Amino acid sequence: GFRYTVCSLAESFSVTGFVRNLWDGDVELIAEGTEEELVGLLHEIRNSRLGRGIINEHFNWKDATGEFDRFGISF
């Protein structure tokens, strides 16, 4: 339920991008939006029931590309 929950939480924020499972069992979250919206989404994820299962976080902040028109699950 991690991807579904992240998508549900993202609906409350003005972000676009995706969440997906990786082959090694990790989950990747790519999101674009203002810094305030992105930090808010991260805060909600950490404080949700998902937060207990997060072992490591790796961030790579870059300029937005504008390639996404919504937030969803990628396969």
N, C-alpha and C. Protein backbone atom coordinates (compact mmCIF):
# COMPACT_ATOMS: atom_id res chain seq x y z
N GLY A 1 0.77 -1.20 0.00
CA GLY A 1 0.00 0.00 0.00
C GLY A 1 0.81 1.27 0.00
N PHE A 2 2.15 1.20 -0.07
CA PHE A 2 2.95 2.41 -0.01
C PHE A 2 2.63 3.34 -1.18
N ARG A 3 2.65 2.80 -2.40
CA ARG A 3 2.42 3.65 -3.57
C ARG A 3 1.02 4.26 -3.55
N TYR A 4 0.03 3.46 -3.23
CA TYR A 4 -1.34 3.95 -3.18
C TYR A 4 -1.48 5.05 -2.13
N THR A 5 -0.89 4.84 -0.96
CA THR A 5 -0.99 5.83 0.11
C THR A 5 -0.28 7.13 -0.28
N VAL A 6 0.89 7.03 -0.90
CA VAL A 6 1.60 8.23 -1.34
C VAL A 6 0.75 8.99 -2.36
N CYS A 7 0.13 8.30 -3.29
CA CYS A 7 -0.75 8.96 -4.26
C CYS A 7 -1.91 9.66 -3.57
N SER A 8 -2.48 9.01 -2.60
CA SER A 8 -3.58 9.60 -1.85
C SER A 8 -3.12 10.86 -1.12
N LEU A 9 -1.97 10.79 -0.47
CA LEU A 9 -1.43 11.96 0.24
C LEU A 9 -1.09 13.09 -0.73
N ALA A 10 -0.58 12.74 -1.90
CA ALA A 10 -0.17 13.75 -2.89
C ALA A 10 -1.35 14.56 -3.40
N GLU A 11 -2.55 14.02 -3.33
CA GLU A 11 -3.73 14.74 -3.80
C GLU A 11 -3.95 16.04 -3.05
N SER A 12 -3.43 16.13 -1.84
CA SER A 12 -3.59 17.34 -1.02
C SER A 12 -2.55 18.41 -1.34
N PHE A 13 -1.65 18.12 -2.25
CA PHE A 13 -0.57 19.05 -2.57
C PHE A 13 -0.53 19.31 -4.07
N SER A 14 0.00 20.46 -4.42
CA SER A 14 0.16 20.82 -5.84
C SER A 14 1.49 20.27 -6.34
N VAL A 15 1.53 18.97 -6.54
CA VAL A 15 2.73 18.30 -7.03
C VAL A 15 2.37 17.41 -8.20
N THR A 16 3.36 17.17 -9.04
CA THR A 16 3.23 16.22 -10.14
C THR A 16 4.39 15.25 -10.05
N GLY A 17 4.28 14.13 -10.72
CA GLY A 17 5.35 13.15 -10.72
C GLY A 17 4.81 11.75 -10.56
N PHE A 18 5.59 10.89 -9.91
CA PHE A 18 5.17 9.50 -9.75
C PHE A 18 5.88 8.83 -8.59
N VAL A 19 5.34 7.69 -8.21
CA VAL A 19 5.95 6.80 -7.24
C VAL A 19 5.96 5.41 -7.87
N ARG A 20 7.04 4.66 -7.65
CA ARG A 20 7.11 3.32 -8.24
C ARG A 20 8.02 2.42 -7.41
N ASN A 21 7.79 1.12 -7.54
CA ASN A 21 8.66 0.13 -6.92
C ASN A 21 9.86 -0.09 -7.83
N LEU A 22 11.02 -0.28 -7.23
CA LEU A 22 12.23 -0.60 -7.97
C LEU A 22 12.52 -2.09 -7.86
N TRP A 23 13.34 -2.60 -8.74
CA TRP A 23 13.63 -4.04 -8.80
C TRP A 23 14.26 -4.57 -7.51
N ASP A 24 14.94 -3.70 -6.74
CA ASP A 24 15.62 -4.15 -5.52
C ASP A 24 14.75 -4.04 -4.27
N GLY A 25 13.48 -3.68 -4.44
CA GLY A 25 12.57 -3.57 -3.31
C GLY A 25 12.41 -2.17 -2.77
N ASP A 26 13.25 -1.24 -3.23
CA ASP A 26 13.12 0.15 -2.82
C ASP A 26 11.94 0.78 -3.54
N VAL A 27 11.56 1.95 -3.08
CA VAL A 27 10.50 2.72 -3.72
C VAL A 27 11.10 4.05 -4.14
N GLU A 28 10.79 4.48 -5.36
CA GLU A 28 11.26 5.76 -5.88
C GLU A 28 10.10 6.72 -5.98
N LEU A 29 10.33 7.94 -5.51
CA LEU A 29 9.32 9.00 -5.56
C LEU A 29 9.95 10.18 -6.29
N ILE A 30 9.38 10.54 -7.42
CA ILE A 30 9.81 11.71 -8.19
C ILE A 30 8.65 12.70 -8.13
N ALA A 31 8.93 13.89 -7.63
CA ALA A 31 7.85 14.88 -7.52
C ALA A 31 8.37 16.26 -7.90
N GLU A 32 7.51 17.03 -8.54
CA GLU A 32 7.80 18.41 -8.88
C GLU A 32 6.74 19.30 -8.27
N GLY A 33 7.17 20.43 -7.79
CA GLY A 33 6.28 21.41 -7.18
C GLY A 33 7.13 22.45 -6.47
N THR A 34 6.48 23.35 -5.78
CA THR A 34 7.24 24.32 -5.01
C THR A 34 7.91 23.62 -3.84
N GLU A 35 8.94 24.23 -3.30
CA GLU A 35 9.63 23.64 -2.16
C GLU A 35 8.65 23.42 -1.01
N GLU A 36 7.78 24.37 -0.79
CA GLU A 36 6.79 24.25 0.29
C GLU A 36 5.88 23.04 0.10
N GLU A 37 5.42 22.82 -1.11
CA GLU A 37 4.55 21.68 -1.39
C GLU A 37 5.30 20.36 -1.25
N LEU A 38 6.53 20.31 -1.74
CA LEU A 38 7.33 19.09 -1.66
C LEU A 38 7.67 18.74 -0.21
N VAL A 39 8.07 19.73 0.56
CA VAL A 39 8.38 19.49 1.97
C VAL A 39 7.12 19.06 2.72
N GLY A 40 5.99 19.66 2.38
CA GLY A 40 4.72 19.27 3.00
C GLY A 40 4.37 17.82 2.71
N LEU A 41 4.56 17.40 1.47
CA LEU A 41 4.28 16.01 1.10
C LEU A 41 5.20 15.06 1.86
N LEU A 42 6.49 15.38 1.90
CA LEU A 42 7.43 14.54 2.65
C LEU A 42 7.02 14.44 4.13
N HIS A 43 6.62 15.55 4.69
CA HIS A 43 6.18 15.57 6.10
C HIS A 43 4.97 14.65 6.29
N GLU A 44 4.02 14.72 5.39
CA GLU A 44 2.82 13.88 5.50
C GLU A 44 3.16 12.40 5.37
N ILE A 45 4.06 12.07 4.46
CA ILE A 45 4.47 10.68 4.29
C ILE A 45 5.13 10.17 5.56
N ARG A 46 6.07 10.96 6.10
CA ARG A 46 6.77 10.56 7.32
C ARG A 46 5.83 10.39 8.51
N ASN A 47 4.79 11.21 8.58
CA ASN A 47 3.87 11.16 9.71
C ASN A 47 2.68 10.23 9.50
N SER A 48 2.62 9.61 8.33
CA SER A 48 1.55 8.64 8.07
C SER A 48 1.96 7.28 8.61
N ARG A 49 1.10 6.31 8.45
CA ARG A 49 1.43 4.94 8.87
C ARG A 49 2.63 4.39 8.10
N LEU A 50 2.95 4.99 6.96
CA LEU A 50 4.09 4.56 6.16
C LEU A 50 5.42 4.89 6.84
N GLY A 51 5.43 5.94 7.63
CA GLY A 51 6.67 6.41 8.23
C GLY A 51 7.42 5.35 9.01
N ARG A 52 6.70 4.45 9.64
CA ARG A 52 7.35 3.38 10.40
C ARG A 52 8.19 2.46 9.53
N GLY A 53 7.83 2.33 8.28
CA GLY A 53 8.52 1.40 7.40
C GLY A 53 9.65 2.03 6.60
N ILE A 54 9.84 3.33 6.73
CA ILE A 54 10.91 4.00 5.98
C ILE A 54 12.22 3.82 6.74
N ILE A 55 13.16 3.15 6.11
CA ILE A 55 14.44 2.87 6.74
C ILE A 55 15.47 3.93 6.35
N ASN A 56 15.54 4.26 5.09
CA ASN A 56 16.49 5.26 4.58
C ASN A 56 15.78 6.17 3.61
N GLU A 57 16.27 7.39 3.53
CA GLU A 57 15.79 8.34 2.54
C GLU A 57 17.01 8.90 1.82
N HIS A 58 16.90 9.01 0.51
CA HIS A 58 17.95 9.62 -0.30
C HIS A 58 17.29 10.70 -1.14
N PHE A 59 17.84 11.90 -1.08
CA PHE A 59 17.26 13.03 -1.81
C PHE A 59 18.20 13.50 -2.89
N ASN A 60 17.60 13.93 -3.98
CA ASN A 60 18.34 14.55 -5.06
C ASN A 60 17.46 15.69 -5.57
N TRP A 61 17.70 16.89 -5.09
CA TRP A 61 16.91 18.05 -5.48
C TRP A 61 17.45 18.61 -6.78
N LYS A 62 16.57 18.77 -7.76
CA LYS A 62 16.95 19.31 -9.07
C LYS A 62 15.88 20.32 -9.50
N ASP A 63 16.20 21.09 -10.52
CA ASP A 63 15.21 21.98 -11.11
C ASP A 63 14.11 21.14 -11.76
N ALA A 64 12.90 21.62 -11.67
CA ALA A 64 11.76 20.92 -12.29
C ALA A 64 11.91 20.91 -13.81
N THR A 65 11.49 19.82 -14.41
CA THR A 65 11.54 19.68 -15.86
C THR A 65 10.20 20.02 -16.52
N GLY A 66 9.12 19.95 -15.73
CA GLY A 66 7.80 20.22 -16.28
C GLY A 66 7.25 19.08 -17.11
N GLU A 67 7.88 17.91 -17.02
CA GLU A 67 7.46 16.79 -17.87
C GLU A 67 6.21 16.06 -17.39
N PHE A 68 5.78 16.32 -16.16
CA PHE A 68 4.63 15.61 -15.60
C PHE A 68 3.40 16.51 -15.58
N ASP A 69 2.23 15.92 -15.82
CA ASP A 69 1.00 16.70 -15.76
C ASP A 69 0.09 16.28 -14.60
N ARG A 70 0.51 15.25 -13.87
CA ARG A 70 -0.26 14.78 -12.73
C ARG A 70 0.67 13.95 -11.84
N PHE A 71 0.16 13.48 -10.72
CA PHE A 71 0.92 12.58 -9.86
C PHE A 71 0.25 11.22 -9.89
N GLY A 72 1.02 10.16 -10.08
CA GLY A 72 0.44 8.83 -10.15
C GLY A 72 1.44 7.74 -9.86
N ILE A 73 1.00 6.51 -10.05
CA ILE A 73 1.84 5.34 -9.85
C ILE A 73 2.42 4.95 -11.20
N SER A 74 3.71 4.71 -11.22
CA SER A 74 4.39 4.24 -12.43
C SER A 74 4.75 2.78 -12.24
N PHE A 75 4.68 2.01 -13.31
CA PHE A 75 4.99 0.58 -13.25
C PHE A 75 6.19 0.25 -14.08
